[in-house]
Structure formats: C-alpha cells, structure tokens
Amino acid sequence: MMNANFVILYVDNPFNSASFYTKLLGKSPTESHPTFVSFQLNPQATLGLWSKHTAEPTALLTGGGGEIGFTVTNKETVDLAYEKWAAYGGRVAQKPTIMDFGYTFVILDPDGHRLRIFYGND
C-alpha cells in the first residue's frame, strides 16, 4: 500500500523559503540542509523545499503550476490567515472571496507557488 504524504516544491533558495514557511506555518523545519528543507505539516504530511538548482532529475517547472490547499474550520480563520500571510510577505494572488467550493484566498510564496486556504461550504 502506498500513501501520498510528501509534497515537494522546487525553490530557488531552500533557506530563504524556509524562513517564509516558518512564519507561515508557525513551526520550525524538521530537516534542514543547504539544498533541502522539510516541514512536518501534520502527522501524515510533509512539505519539502528542494533547490531547483540541485534537484535530480532536473525540475522543468517551478512555481505556479499547482497549489497546496489548507482547510480551516470557519470563515473567520480564513480572514485571519489572509492578514497574517500577506504580512509575512506572501504576494496576494486572490483576496478572500466566495467560490463554488467555499470561502478562500491564494497567496504566492517567494518562488510563485500557490498556497490556498479555504473553508468549505456548510
């Protein structure tokens, strides 16, 4: 049996990206090397930040081609996260808005990766 539990983003500088994600996630990396940094998102999921300059095989696409979604329990948490994440230097791609699947916003990390927080419809 296989479990999809590890997301890797290809980044320009893992330490710079780790600084951003440390603030964003409110936690320190669980692993840190010059070319790779990782965060334990929850007991079942890990986020890896791998240097696009050393990834093998070579990363052909970086930033913006997909997104990581974070679910929250209410609309107020979406709004609070938006204020925090924007203040941490995330570039706003989508302000909080209502969409078919719920209330959401999107912030871009320093490498252009899309990070979405949403609260699903009741």
PDB file of N, CA and C in Angstrom:
ATOM      1  N   MET A   1       0.841  -1.178   0.000  1.00  0.00           N
ATOM      2  CA  MET A   1       0.000   0.000   0.000  1.00  0.00           C
ATOM      3  C   MET A   1       0.884   1.237   0.000  1.00  0.00           C
ATOM      4  N   MET A   2       0.526   2.220  -0.818  1.00  0.00           N
ATOM      5  CA  MET A   2       1.272   3.480  -0.880  1.00  0.00           C
ATOM      6  C   MET A   2       0.398   4.614  -0.361  1.00  0.00           C
ATOM      7  N   ASN A   3       1.054   5.590   0.261  1.00  0.00           N
ATOM      8  CA  ASN A   3       0.357   6.774   0.746  1.00  0.00           C
ATOM      9  C   ASN A   3       1.008   8.011   0.146  1.00  0.00           C
ATOM     10  N   ALA A   4       0.203   8.901  -0.412  1.00  0.00           N
ATOM     11  CA  ALA A   4       0.710  10.190  -0.889  1.00  0.00           C
ATOM     12  C   ALA A   4       0.754  11.113   0.320  1.00  0.00           C
ATOM     13  N   ASN A   5       1.948  11.347   0.838  1.00  0.00           N
ATOM     14  CA  ASN A   5       2.060  12.117   2.069  1.00  0.00           C
ATOM     15  C   ASN A   5       3.245  13.074   2.087  1.00  0.00           C
ATOM     16  N   PHE A   6       3.838  13.322   0.918  1.00  0.00           N
ATOM     17  CA  PHE A   6       5.026  14.170   0.851  1.00  0.00           C
ATOM     18  C   PHE A   6       4.914  15.046  -0.390  1.00  0.00           C
ATOM     19  N   VAL A   7       4.855  16.362  -0.188  1.00  0.00           N
ATOM     20  CA  VAL A   7       4.804  17.323  -1.284  1.00  0.00           C
ATOM     21  C   VAL A   7       6.148  18.017  -1.351  1.00  0.00           C
ATOM     22  N   ILE A   8       6.726  18.109  -2.546  1.00  0.00           N
ATOM     23  CA  ILE A   8       7.996  18.801  -2.724  1.00  0.00           C
ATOM     24  C   ILE A   8       7.781  19.986  -3.651  1.00  0.00           C
ATOM     25  N   LEU A   9       8.258  21.146  -3.212  1.00  0.00           N
ATOM     26  CA  LEU A   9       8.263  22.336  -4.040  1.00  0.00           C
ATOM     27  C   LEU A   9       9.709  22.637  -4.418  1.00  0.00           C
ATOM     28  N   TYR A  10       9.941  22.943  -5.686  1.00  0.00           N
ATOM     29  CA  TYR A  10      11.280  23.301  -6.138  1.00  0.00           C
ATOM     30  C   TYR A  10      11.439  24.805  -5.961  1.00  0.00           C
ATOM     31  N   VAL A  11      12.469  25.194  -5.225  1.00  0.00           N
ATOM     32  CA  VAL A  11      12.662  26.593  -4.829  1.00  0.00           C
ATOM     33  C   VAL A  11      14.053  27.076  -5.226  1.00  0.00           C
ATOM     34  N   ASP A  12      14.210  28.376  -5.302  1.00  0.00           N
ATOM     35  CA  ASP A  12      15.499  28.961  -5.645  1.00  0.00           C
ATOM     36  C   ASP A  12      16.492  28.795  -4.511  1.00  0.00           C
ATOM     37  N   ASN A  13      16.060  29.074  -3.280  1.00  0.00           N
ATOM     38  CA  ASN A  13      16.942  29.012  -2.121  1.00  0.00           C
ATOM     39  C   ASN A  13      16.181  28.391  -0.947  1.00  0.00           C
ATOM     40  N   PRO A  14      16.458  27.137  -0.598  1.00  0.00           N
ATOM     41  CA  PRO A  14      15.708  26.471   0.464  1.00  0.00           C
ATOM     42  C   PRO A  14      15.704  27.215   1.801  1.00  0.00           C
ATOM     43  N   PHE A  15      16.820  27.838   2.175  1.00  0.00           N
ATOM     44  CA  PHE A  15      16.851  28.552   3.463  1.00  0.00           C
ATOM     45  C   PHE A  15      15.969  29.794   3.437  1.00  0.00           C
ATOM     46  N   ASN A  16      15.972  30.533   2.322  1.00  0.00           N
ATOM     47  CA  ASN A  16      15.084  31.697   2.214  1.00  0.00           C
ATOM     48  C   ASN A  16      13.625  31.255   2.250  1.00  0.00           C
ATOM     49  N   SER A  17      13.306  30.210   1.518  1.00  0.00           N
ATOM     50  CA  SER A  17      11.935  29.704   1.514  1.00  0.00           C
ATOM     51  C   SER A  17      11.549  29.183   2.888  1.00  0.00           C
ATOM     52  N   ALA A  18      12.482  28.524   3.567  1.00  0.00           N
ATOM     53  CA  ALA A  18      12.202  28.002   4.913  1.00  0.00           C
ATOM     54  C   ALA A  18      11.869  29.133   5.874  1.00  0.00           C
ATOM     55  N   SER A  19      12.529  30.261   5.739  1.00  0.00           N
ATOM     56  CA  SER A  19      12.223  31.405   6.594  1.00  0.00           C
ATOM     57  C   SER A  19      10.775  31.851   6.396  1.00  0.00           C
ATOM     58  N   PHE A  20      10.335  31.922   5.159  1.00  0.00           N
ATOM     59  CA  PHE A  20       8.954  32.285   4.844  1.00  0.00           C
ATOM     60  C   PHE A  20       7.975  31.257   5.421  1.00  0.00           C
ATOM     61  N   TYR A  21       8.241  29.978   5.181  1.00  0.00           N
ATOM     62  CA  TYR A  21       7.332  28.929   5.644  1.00  0.00           C
ATOM     63  C   TYR A  21       7.341  28.779   7.156  1.00  0.00           C
ATOM     64  N   THR A  22       8.445  29.071   7.813  1.00  0.00           N
ATOM     65  CA  THR A  22       8.486  29.030   9.278  1.00  0.00           C
ATOM     66  C   THR A  22       7.469  30.011   9.848  1.00  0.00           C
ATOM     67  N   LYS A  23       7.424  31.219   9.300  1.00  0.00           N
ATOM     68  CA  LYS A  23       6.439  32.212   9.744  1.00  0.00           C
ATOM     69  C   LYS A  23       5.026  31.774   9.370  1.00  0.00           C
ATOM     70  N   LEU A  24       4.866  31.356   8.134  1.00  0.00           N
ATOM     71  CA  LEU A  24       3.556  30.984   7.618  1.00  0.00           C
ATOM     72  C   LEU A  24       2.928  29.830   8.395  1.00  0.00           C
ATOM     73  N   LEU A  25       3.714  28.796   8.654  1.00  0.00           N
ATOM     74  CA  LEU A  25       3.207  27.591   9.308  1.00  0.00           C
ATOM     75  C   LEU A  25       3.279  27.666  10.833  1.00  0.00           C
ATOM     76  N   GLY A  26       4.064  28.604  11.352  1.00  0.00           N
ATOM     77  CA  GLY A  26       4.213  28.718  12.804  1.00  0.00           C
ATOM     78  C   GLY A  26       4.983  27.563  13.407  1.00  0.00           C
ATOM     79  N   LYS A  27       5.921  27.000  12.623  1.00  0.00           N
ATOM     80  CA  LYS A  27       6.735  25.889  13.122  1.00  0.00           C
ATOM     81  C   LYS A  27       8.083  25.886  12.425  1.00  0.00           C
ATOM     82  N   SER A  28       9.033  25.255  13.068  1.00  0.00           N
ATOM     83  CA  SER A  28      10.383  25.156  12.522  1.00  0.00           C
ATOM     84  C   SER A  28      10.500  23.942  11.612  1.00  0.00           C
ATOM     85  N   PRO A  29      11.479  23.978  10.709  1.00  0.00           N
ATOM     86  CA  PRO A  29      11.705  22.804   9.855  1.00  0.00           C
ATOM     87  C   PRO A  29      12.077  21.578  10.683  1.00  0.00           C
ATOM     88  N   THR A  30      11.719  20.414  10.185  1.00  0.00           N
ATOM     89  CA  THR A  30      12.100  19.165  10.834  1.00  0.00           C
ATOM     90  C   THR A  30      13.413  18.632  10.275  1.00  0.00           C
ATOM     91  N   GLU A  31      13.795  19.125   9.097  1.00  0.00           N
ATOM     92  CA  GLU A  31      15.045  18.732   8.462  1.00  0.00           C
ATOM     93  C   GLU A  31      15.568  19.950   7.713  1.00  0.00           C
ATOM     94  N   SER A  32      16.884  20.191   7.781  1.00  0.00           N
ATOM     95  CA  SER A  32      17.439  21.378   7.138  1.00  0.00           C
ATOM     96  C   SER A  32      18.844  21.104   6.616  1.00  0.00           C
ATOM     97  N   HIS A  33      19.007  21.217   5.300  1.00  0.00           N
ATOM     98  CA  HIS A  33      20.281  21.031   4.625  1.00  0.00           C
ATOM     99  C   HIS A  33      20.433  22.163   3.609  1.00  0.00           C
ATOM    100  N   PRO A  34      21.627  22.415   3.111  1.00  0.00           N
ATOM    101  CA  PRO A  34      21.796  23.513   2.161  1.00  0.00           C
ATOM    102  C   PRO A  34      20.905  23.423   0.913  1.00  0.00           C
ATOM    103  N   THR A  35      20.568  22.206   0.487  1.00  0.00           N
ATOM    104  CA  THR A  35      19.769  22.068  -0.731  1.00  0.00           C
ATOM    105  C   THR A  35      18.353  21.558  -0.485  1.00  0.00           C
ATOM    106  N   PHE A  36      18.006  21.279   0.774  1.00  0.00           N
ATOM    107  CA  PHE A  36      16.680  20.707   1.068  1.00  0.00           C
ATOM    108  C   PHE A  36      16.266  21.015   2.501  1.00  0.00           C
ATOM    109  N   VAL A  37      15.031  21.460   2.651  1.00  0.00           N
ATOM    110  CA  VAL A  37      14.452  21.739   3.961  1.00  0.00           C
ATOM    111  C   VAL A  37      13.062  21.115   3.972  1.00  0.00           C
ATOM    112  N   SER A  38      12.643  20.548   5.116  1.00  0.00           N
ATOM    113  CA  SER A  38      11.287  19.988   5.170  1.00  0.00           C
ATOM    114  C   SER A  38      10.579  20.399   6.455  1.00  0.00           C
ATOM    115  N   PHE A  39       9.251  20.396   6.369  1.00  0.00           N
ATOM    116  CA  PHE A  39       8.360  20.705   7.482  1.00  0.00           C
ATOM    117  C   PHE A  39       7.354  19.578   7.627  1.00  0.00           C
ATOM    118  N   GLN A  40       7.086  19.161   8.840  1.00  0.00           N
ATOM    119  CA  GLN A  40       6.017  18.203   9.116  1.00  0.00           C
ATOM    120  C   GLN A  40       4.726  19.018   9.213  1.00  0.00           C
ATOM    121  N   LEU A  41       3.856  18.899   8.218  1.00  0.00           N
ATOM    122  CA  LEU A  41       2.606  19.665   8.206  1.00  0.00           C
ATOM    123  C   LEU A  41       1.608  19.128   9.211  1.00  0.00           C
ATOM    124  N   ASN A  42       1.534  17.808   9.297  1.00  0.00           N
ATOM    125  CA  ASN A  42       0.696  17.100  10.260  1.00  0.00           C
ATOM    126  C   ASN A  42       1.277  15.696  10.360  1.00  0.00           C
ATOM    127  N   PRO A  43       0.738  14.830  11.207  1.00  0.00           N
ATOM    128  CA  PRO A  43       1.356  13.502  11.349  1.00  0.00           C
ATOM    129  C   PRO A  43       1.443  12.698  10.050  1.00  0.00           C
ATOM    130  N   GLN A  44       0.616  13.016   9.069  1.00  0.00           N
ATOM    131  CA  GLN A  44       0.615  12.250   7.830  1.00  0.00           C
ATOM    132  C   GLN A  44       1.219  12.976   6.633  1.00  0.00           C
ATOM    133  N   ALA A  45       1.583  14.252   6.755  1.00  0.00           N
ATOM    134  CA  ALA A  45       2.022  15.005   5.581  1.00  0.00           C
ATOM    135  C   ALA A  45       3.265  15.842   5.852  1.00  0.00           C
ATOM    136  N   THR A  46       4.177  15.831   4.881  1.00  0.00           N
ATOM    137  CA  THR A  46       5.424  16.586   4.954  1.00  0.00           C
ATOM    138  C   THR A  46       5.532  17.486   3.730  1.00  0.00           C
ATOM    139  N   LEU A  47       6.077  18.679   3.940  1.00  0.00           N
ATOM    140  CA  LEU A  47       6.370  19.611   2.859  1.00  0.00           C
ATOM    141  C   LEU A  47       7.870  19.712   2.713  1.00  0.00           C
ATOM    142  N   GLY A  48       8.383  19.436   1.523  1.00  0.00           N
ATOM    143  CA  GLY A  48       9.805  19.563   1.242  1.00  0.00           C
ATOM    144  C   GLY A  48      10.071  20.746   0.336  1.00  0.00           C
ATOM    145  N   LEU A  49      11.151  21.455   0.605  1.00  0.00           N
ATOM    146  CA  LEU A  49      11.597  22.580  -0.219  1.00  0.00           C
ATOM    147  C   LEU A  49      12.970  22.207  -0.765  1.00  0.00           C
ATOM    148  N   TRP A  50      13.028  21.892  -2.060  1.00  0.00           N
ATOM    149  CA  TRP A  50      14.244  21.368  -2.667  1.00  0.00           C
ATOM    150  C   TRP A  50      14.794  22.395  -3.642  1.00  0.00           C
ATOM    151  N   SER A  51      16.077  22.644  -3.586  1.00  0.00           N
ATOM    152  CA  SER A  51      16.701  23.591  -4.500  1.00  0.00           C
ATOM    153  C   SER A  51      16.477  23.158  -5.944  1.00  0.00           C
ATOM    154  N   LYS A  52      15.914  24.062  -6.742  1.00  0.00           N
ATOM    155  CA  LYS A  52      15.689  23.745  -8.153  1.00  0.00           C
ATOM    156  C   LYS A  52      17.010  23.627  -8.910  1.00  0.00           C
ATOM    157  N   HIS A  53      18.091  24.077  -8.285  1.00  0.00           N
ATOM    158  CA  HIS A  53      19.408  24.010  -8.907  1.00  0.00           C
ATOM    159  C   HIS A  53      20.090  22.656  -8.705  1.00  0.00           C
ATOM    160  N   THR A  54      19.605  21.878  -7.737  1.00  0.00           N
ATOM    161  CA  THR A  54      20.244  20.592  -7.446  1.00  0.00           C
ATOM    162  C   THR A  54      19.287  19.402  -7.543  1.00  0.00           C
ATOM    163  N   ALA A  55      18.014  19.657  -7.790  1.00  0.00           N
ATOM    164  CA  ALA A  55      17.036  18.562  -7.882  1.00  0.00           C
ATOM    165  C   ALA A  55      17.412  17.620  -9.021  1.00  0.00           C
ATOM    166  N   GLU A  56      17.266  16.326  -8.758  1.00  0.00           N
ATOM    167  CA  GLU A  56      17.529  15.313  -9.777  1.00  0.00           C
ATOM    168  C   GLU A  56      16.361  14.351  -9.839  1.00  0.00           C
ATOM    169  N   PRO A  57      15.829  14.109 -11.003  1.00  0.00           N
ATOM    170  CA  PRO A  57      16.173  14.765 -12.257  1.00  0.00           C
ATOM    171  C   PRO A  57      15.809  16.250 -12.206  1.00  0.00           C
ATOM    172  N   THR A  58      16.348  17.025 -13.119  1.00  0.00           N
ATOM    173  CA  THR A  58      16.151  18.468 -13.147  1.00  0.00           C
ATOM    174  C   THR A  58      14.671  18.818 -13.143  1.00  0.00           C
ATOM    175  N   ALA A  59      14.324  19.779 -12.297  1.00  0.00           N
ATOM    176  CA  ALA A  59      12.941  20.270 -12.234  1.00  0.00           C
ATOM    177  C   ALA A  59      12.694  21.161 -13.446  1.00  0.00           C
ATOM    178  N   LEU A  60      11.744  20.785 -14.285  1.00  0.00           N
ATOM    179  CA  LEU A  60      11.468  21.549 -15.500  1.00  0.00           C
ATOM    180  C   LEU A  60      10.468  22.670 -15.260  1.00  0.00           C
ATOM    181  N   LEU A  61       9.583  22.490 -14.300  1.00  0.00           N
ATOM    182  CA  LEU A  61       8.583  23.503 -13.977  1.00  0.00           C
ATOM    183  C   LEU A  61       8.708  23.876 -12.513  1.00  0.00           C
ATOM    184  N   THR A  62       8.619  25.154 -12.224  1.00  0.00           N
ATOM    185  CA  THR A  62       8.655  25.597 -10.837  1.00  0.00           C
ATOM    186  C   THR A  62       7.640  26.713 -10.652  1.00  0.00           C
ATOM    187  N   GLY A  63       7.003  26.746  -9.508  1.00  0.00           N
ATOM    188  CA  GLY A  63       6.103  27.825  -9.115  1.00  0.00           C
ATOM    189  C   GLY A  63       4.899  28.051  -9.996  1.00  0.00           C
ATOM    190  N   GLY A  64       3.719  28.027  -9.390  1.00  0.00           N
ATOM    191  CA  GLY A  64       2.500  28.438 -10.049  1.00  0.00           C
ATOM    192  C   GLY A  64       1.746  27.397 -10.847  1.00  0.00           C
ATOM    193  N   GLY A  65       2.308  26.219 -11.064  1.00  0.00           N
ATOM    194  CA  GLY A  65       1.645  25.208 -11.863  1.00  0.00           C
ATOM    195  C   GLY A  65       0.642  24.367 -11.096  1.00  0.00           C
ATOM    196  N   GLY A  66       0.575  24.545  -9.813  1.00  0.00           N
ATOM    197  CA  GLY A  66      -0.352  23.825  -8.951  1.00  0.00           C
ATOM    198  C   GLY A  66      -0.488  24.617  -7.671  1.00  0.00           C
ATOM    199  N   GLU A  67      -1.105  24.026  -6.678  1.00  0.00           N
ATOM    200  CA  GLU A  67      -1.219  24.727  -5.403  1.00  0.00           C
ATOM    201  C   GLU A  67      -1.351  23.738  -4.259  1.00  0.00           C
ATOM    202  N   ILE A  68      -1.009  24.234  -3.073  1.00  0.00           N
ATOM    203  CA  ILE A  68      -1.219  23.465  -1.853  1.00  0.00           C
ATOM    204  C   ILE A  68      -2.411  24.086  -1.152  1.00  0.00           C
ATOM    205  N   GLY A  69      -3.377  23.261  -0.776  1.00  0.00           N
ATOM    206  CA  GLY A  69      -4.573  23.740  -0.093  1.00  0.00           C
ATOM    207  C   GLY A  69      -4.538  23.422   1.390  1.00  0.00           C
ATOM    208  N   PHE A  70      -4.942  24.384   2.179  1.00  0.00           N
ATOM    209  CA  PHE A  70      -5.032  24.243   3.629  1.00  0.00           C
ATOM    210  C   PHE A  70      -6.482  24.489   4.020  1.00  0.00           C
ATOM    211  N   THR A  71      -7.127  23.505   4.623  1.00  0.00           N
ATOM    212  CA  THR A  71      -8.511  23.691   5.051  1.00  0.00           C
ATOM    213  C   THR A  71      -8.546  24.235   6.472  1.00  0.00           C
ATOM    214  N   VAL A  72      -9.540  25.079   6.729  1.00  0.00           N
ATOM    215  CA  VAL A  72      -9.758  25.631   8.061  1.00  0.00           C
ATOM    216  C   VAL A  72     -11.217  25.423   8.444  1.00  0.00           C
ATOM    217  N   THR A  73     -11.550  25.741   9.696  1.00  0.00           N
ATOM    218  CA  THR A  73     -12.866  25.383  10.224  1.00  0.00           C
ATOM    219  C   THR A  73     -13.933  26.468  10.129  1.00  0.00           C
ATOM    220  N   ASN A  74     -13.545  27.693   9.738  1.00  0.00           N
ATOM    221  CA  ASN A  74     -14.564  28.740   9.613  1.00  0.00           C
ATOM    222  C   ASN A  74     -14.034  29.910   8.784  1.00  0.00           C
ATOM    223  N   LYS A  75     -14.943  30.802   8.391  1.00  0.00           N
ATOM    224  CA  LYS A  75     -14.582  31.953   7.558  1.00  0.00           C
ATOM    225  C   LYS A  75     -13.655  32.915   8.292  1.00  0.00           C
ATOM    226  N   GLU A  76     -13.852  33.064   9.588  1.00  0.00           N
ATOM    227  CA  GLU A  76     -13.016  33.983  10.352  1.00  0.00           C
ATOM    228  C   GLU A  76     -11.542  33.567  10.299  1.00  0.00           C
ATOM    229  N   THR A  77     -11.289  32.270  10.325  1.00  0.00           N
ATOM    230  CA  THR A  77      -9.915  31.772  10.244  1.00  0.00           C
ATOM    231  C   THR A  77      -9.314  32.073   8.876  1.00  0.00           C
ATOM    232  N   VAL A  78     -10.128  32.021   7.837  1.00  0.00           N
ATOM    233  CA  VAL A  78      -9.652  32.403   6.502  1.00  0.00           C
ATOM    234  C   VAL A  78      -9.186  33.861   6.530  1.00  0.00           C
ATOM    235  N   ASP A  79     -10.011  34.734   7.074  1.00  0.00           N
ATOM    236  CA  ASP A  79      -9.674  36.158   7.121  1.00  0.00           C
ATOM    237  C   ASP A  79      -8.434  36.431   7.966  1.00  0.00           C
ATOM    238  N   LEU A  80      -8.325  35.775   9.115  1.00  0.00           N
ATOM    239  CA  LEU A  80      -7.150  35.952   9.968  1.00  0.00           C
ATOM    240  C   LEU A  80      -5.882  35.461   9.276  1.00  0.00           C
ATOM    241  N   ALA A  81      -5.967  34.310   8.622  1.00  0.00           N
ATOM    242  CA  ALA A  81      -4.813  33.763   7.909  1.00  0.00           C
ATOM    243  C   ALA A  81      -4.408  34.685   6.760  1.00  0.00           C
ATOM    244  N   TYR A  82      -5.380  35.252   6.075  1.00  0.00           N
ATOM    245  CA  TYR A  82      -5.074  36.171   4.981  1.00  0.00           C
ATOM    246  C   TYR A  82      -4.255  37.352   5.493  1.00  0.00           C
ATOM    247  N   GLU A  83      -4.680  37.952   6.577  1.00  0.00           N
ATOM    248  CA  GLU A  83      -3.959  39.104   7.133  1.00  0.00           C
ATOM    249  C   GLU A  83      -2.532  38.711   7.529  1.00  0.00           C
ATOM    250  N   LYS A  84      -2.385  37.584   8.192  1.00  0.00           N
ATOM    251  CA  LYS A  84      -1.060  37.130   8.626  1.00  0.00           C
ATOM    252  C   LYS A  84      -0.164  36.798   7.444  1.00  0.00           C
ATOM    253  N   TRP A  85      -0.679  35.982   6.532  1.00  0.00           N
ATOM    254  CA  TRP A  85       0.145  35.510   5.425  1.00  0.00           C
ATOM    255  C   TRP A  85       0.574  36.660   4.526  1.00  0.00           C
ATOM    256  N   ALA A  86      -0.297  37.615   4.305  1.00  0.00           N
ATOM    257  CA  ALA A  86       0.073  38.785   3.499  1.00  0.00           C
ATOM    258  C   ALA A  86       1.150  39.590   4.233  1.00  0.00           C
ATOM    259  N   ALA A  87       1.028  39.721   5.550  1.00  0.00           N
ATOM    260  CA  ALA A  87       2.016  40.461   6.345  1.00  0.00           C
ATOM    261  C   ALA A  87       3.373  39.755   6.355  1.00  0.00           C
ATOM    262  N   TYR A  88       3.403  38.435   6.177  1.00  0.00           N
ATOM    263  CA  TYR A  88       4.645  37.673   6.172  1.00  0.00           C
ATOM    264  C   TYR A  88       5.376  37.785   4.830  1.00  0.00           C
ATOM    265  N   GLY A  89       4.812  38.520   3.896  1.00  0.00           N
ATOM    266  CA  GLY A  89       5.471  38.717   2.611  1.00  0.00           C
ATOM    267  C   GLY A  89       4.908  37.898   1.476  1.00  0.00           C
ATOM    268  N   GLY A  90       3.816  37.184   1.721  1.00  0.00           N
ATOM    269  CA  GLY A  90       3.181  36.450   0.633  1.00  0.00           C
ATOM    270  C   GLY A  90       2.547  37.416  -0.353  1.00  0.00           C
ATOM    271  N   ARG A  91       2.754  37.173  -1.631  1.00  0.00           N
ATOM    272  CA  ARG A  91       2.136  38.018  -2.660  1.00  0.00           C
ATOM    273  C   ARG A  91       0.695  37.551  -2.871  1.00  0.00           C
ATOM    274  N   VAL A  92      -0.227  38.475  -2.781  1.00  0.00           N
ATOM    275  CA  VAL A  92      -1.645  38.141  -2.896  1.00  0.00           C
ATOM    276  C   VAL A  92      -1.992  37.856  -4.363  1.00  0.00           C
ATOM    277  N   ALA A  93      -2.473  36.657  -4.622  1.00  0.00           N
ATOM    278  CA  ALA A  93      -2.957  36.289  -5.951  1.00  0.00           C
ATOM    279  C   ALA A  93      -4.480  36.378  -6.011  1.00  0.00           C
ATOM    280  N   GLN A  94      -5.120  36.143  -4.859  1.00  0.00           N
ATOM    281  CA  GLN A  94      -6.585  36.214  -4.783  1.00  0.00           C
ATOM    282  C   GLN A  94      -6.961  36.619  -3.368  1.00  0.00           C
ATOM    283  N   LYS A  95      -7.655  37.730  -3.254  1.00  0.00           N
ATOM    284  CA  LYS A  95      -8.145  38.175  -1.950  1.00  0.00           C
ATOM    285  C   LYS A  95      -9.271  37.244  -1.508  1.00  0.00           C
ATOM    286  N   PRO A  96      -9.605  37.238  -0.217  1.00  0.00           N
ATOM    287  CA  PRO A  96     -10.694  36.372   0.244  1.00  0.00           C
ATOM    288  C   PRO A  96     -11.968  36.595  -0.578  1.00  0.00           C
ATOM    289  N   THR A  97     -12.511  35.499  -1.023  1.00  0.00           N
ATOM    290  CA  THR A  97     -13.693  35.534  -1.882  1.00  0.00           C
ATOM    291  C   THR A  97     -14.486  34.243  -1.737  1.00  0.00           C
ATOM    292  N   ILE A  98     -15.729  34.287  -2.136  1.00  0.00           N
ATOM    293  CA  ILE A  98     -16.573  33.086  -2.125  1.00  0.00           C
ATOM    294  C   ILE A  98     -16.522  32.463  -3.514  1.00  0.00           C
ATOM    295  N   MET A  99     -16.243  31.169  -3.551  1.00  0.00           N
ATOM    296  CA  MET A  99     -16.225  30.407  -4.799  1.00  0.00           C
ATOM    297  C   MET A  99     -17.170  29.218  -4.635  1.00  0.00           C
ATOM    298  N   ASP A 100     -17.312  28.431  -5.675  1.00  0.00           N
ATOM    299  CA  ASP A 100     -18.230  27.289  -5.633  1.00  0.00           C
ATOM    300  C   ASP A 100     -17.952  26.351  -4.465  1.00  0.00           C
ATOM    301  N   PHE A 101     -16.692  26.142  -4.143  1.00  0.00           N
ATOM    302  CA  PHE A 101     -16.306  25.179  -3.102  1.00  0.00           C
ATOM    303  C   PHE A 101     -16.194  25.794  -1.717  1.00  0.00           C
ATOM    304  N   GLY A 102     -16.302  27.133  -1.600  1.00  0.00           N
ATOM    305  CA  GLY A 102     -16.234  27.754  -0.287  1.00  0.00           C
ATOM    306  C   GLY A 102     -15.551  29.106  -0.305  1.00  0.00           C
ATOM    307  N   TYR A 103     -15.170  29.565   0.889  1.00  0.00           N
ATOM    308  CA  TYR A 103     -14.533  30.865   1.097  1.00  0.00           C
ATOM    309  C   TYR A 103     -13.032  30.663   1.089  1.00  0.00           C
ATOM    310  N   THR A 104     -12.306  31.477   0.305  1.00  0.00           N
ATOM    311  CA  THR A 104     -10.907  31.163   0.036  1.00  0.00           C
ATOM    312  C   THR A 104     -10.070  32.386  -0.300  1.00  0.00           C
ATOM    313  N   PHE A 105      -8.752  32.228  -0.245  1.00  0.00           N
ATOM    314  CA  PHE A 105      -7.790  33.183  -0.802  1.00  0.00           C
ATOM    315  C   PHE A 105      -6.557  32.415  -1.246  1.00  0.00           C
ATOM    316  N   VAL A 106      -5.717  33.086  -2.060  1.00  0.00           N
ATOM    317  CA  VAL A 106      -4.465  32.483  -2.520  1.00  0.00           C
ATOM    318  C   VAL A 106      -3.332  33.486  -2.334  1.00  0.00           C
ATOM    319  N   ILE A 107      -2.251  32.992  -1.737  1.00  0.00           N
ATOM    320  CA  ILE A 107      -1.006  33.745  -1.555  1.00  0.00           C
ATOM    321  C   ILE A 107       0.087  33.001  -2.334  1.00  0.00           C
ATOM    322  N   LEU A 108       1.033  33.747  -2.886  1.00  0.00           N
ATOM    323  CA  LEU A 108       2.173  33.141  -3.563  1.00  0.00           C
ATOM    324  C   LEU A 108       3.390  33.203  -2.653  1.00  0.00           C
ATOM    325  N   ASP A 109       4.139  32.102  -2.597  1.00  0.00           N
ATOM    326  CA  ASP A 109       5.372  32.107  -1.813  1.00  0.00           C
ATOM    327  C   ASP A 109       6.465  32.818  -2.616  1.00  0.00           C
ATOM    328  N   PRO A 110       7.688  32.940  -2.085  1.00  0.00           N
ATOM    329  CA  PRO A 110       8.747  33.667  -2.799  1.00  0.00           C
ATOM    330  C   PRO A 110       9.083  33.112  -4.185  1.00  0.00           C
ATOM    331  N   ASP A 111       8.753  31.841  -4.421  1.00  0.00           N
ATOM    332  CA  ASP A 111       9.034  31.227  -5.720  1.00  0.00           C
ATOM    333  C   ASP A 111       7.807  31.159  -6.630  1.00  0.00           C
ATOM    334  N   GLY A 112       6.707  31.734  -6.195  1.00  0.00           N
ATOM    335  CA  GLY A 112       5.499  31.749  -7.018  1.00  0.00           C
ATOM    336  C   GLY A 112       4.584  30.551  -6.831  1.00  0.00           C
ATOM    337  N   HIS A 113       4.854  29.700  -5.844  1.00  0.00           N
ATOM    338  CA  HIS A 113       3.972  28.568  -5.567  1.00  0.00           C
ATOM    339  C   HIS A 113       2.682  29.085  -4.932  1.00  0.00           C
ATOM    340  N   ARG A 114       1.561  28.546  -5.385  1.00  0.00           N
ATOM    341  CA  ARG A 114       0.247  28.981  -4.911  1.00  0.00           C
ATOM    342  C   ARG A 114      -0.129  28.245  -3.625  1.00  0.00           C
ATOM    343  N   LEU A 115      -0.517  29.022  -2.616  1.00  0.00           N
ATOM    344  CA  LEU A 115      -0.940  28.475  -1.323  1.00  0.00           C
ATOM    345  C   LEU A 115      -2.354  28.969  -1.076  1.00  0.00           C
ATOM    346  N   ARG A 116      -3.293  28.038  -0.967  1.00  0.00           N
ATOM    347  CA  ARG A 116      -4.710  28.373  -0.815  1.00  0.00           C
ATOM    348  C   ARG A 116      -5.207  27.937   0.554  1.00  0.00           C
ATOM    349  N   ILE A 117      -5.888  28.846   1.232  1.00  0.00           N
ATOM    350  CA  ILE A 117      -6.626  28.490   2.449  1.00  0.00           C
ATOM    351  C   ILE A 117      -8.093  28.572   2.101  1.00  0.00           C
ATOM    352  N   PHE A 118      -8.848  27.592   2.571  1.00  0.00           N
ATOM    353  CA  PHE A 118     -10.291  27.663   2.306  1.00  0.00           C
ATOM    354  C   PHE A 118     -11.099  26.998   3.410  1.00  0.00           C
ATOM    355  N   TYR A 119     -12.305  27.534   3.509  1.00  0.00           N
ATOM    356  CA  TYR A 119     -13.318  26.961   4.371  1.00  0.00           C
ATOM    357  C   TYR A 119     -14.427  26.493   3.452  1.00  0.00           C
ATOM    358  N   GLY A 120     -14.736  25.190   3.480  1.00  0.00           N
ATOM    359  CA  GLY A 120     -15.732  24.617   2.585  1.00  0.00           C
ATOM    360  C   GLY A 120     -17.138  25.037   2.930  1.00  0.00           C
ATOM    361  N   ASN A 121     -17.986  24.915   1.939  1.00  0.00           N
ATOM    362  CA  ASN A 121     -19.403  25.246   2.150  1.00  0.00           C
ATOM    363  C   ASN A 121     -20.003  24.397   3.245  1.00  0.00           C
ATOM    364  N   ASP A 122     -20.916  25.012   3.995  1.00  0.00           N
ATOM    365  CA  ASP A 122     -21.626  24.278   5.057  1.00  0.00           C
ATOM    366  C   ASP A 122     -22.618  23.305   4.485  1.00  0.00           C
TER     367      ASP A 122
END
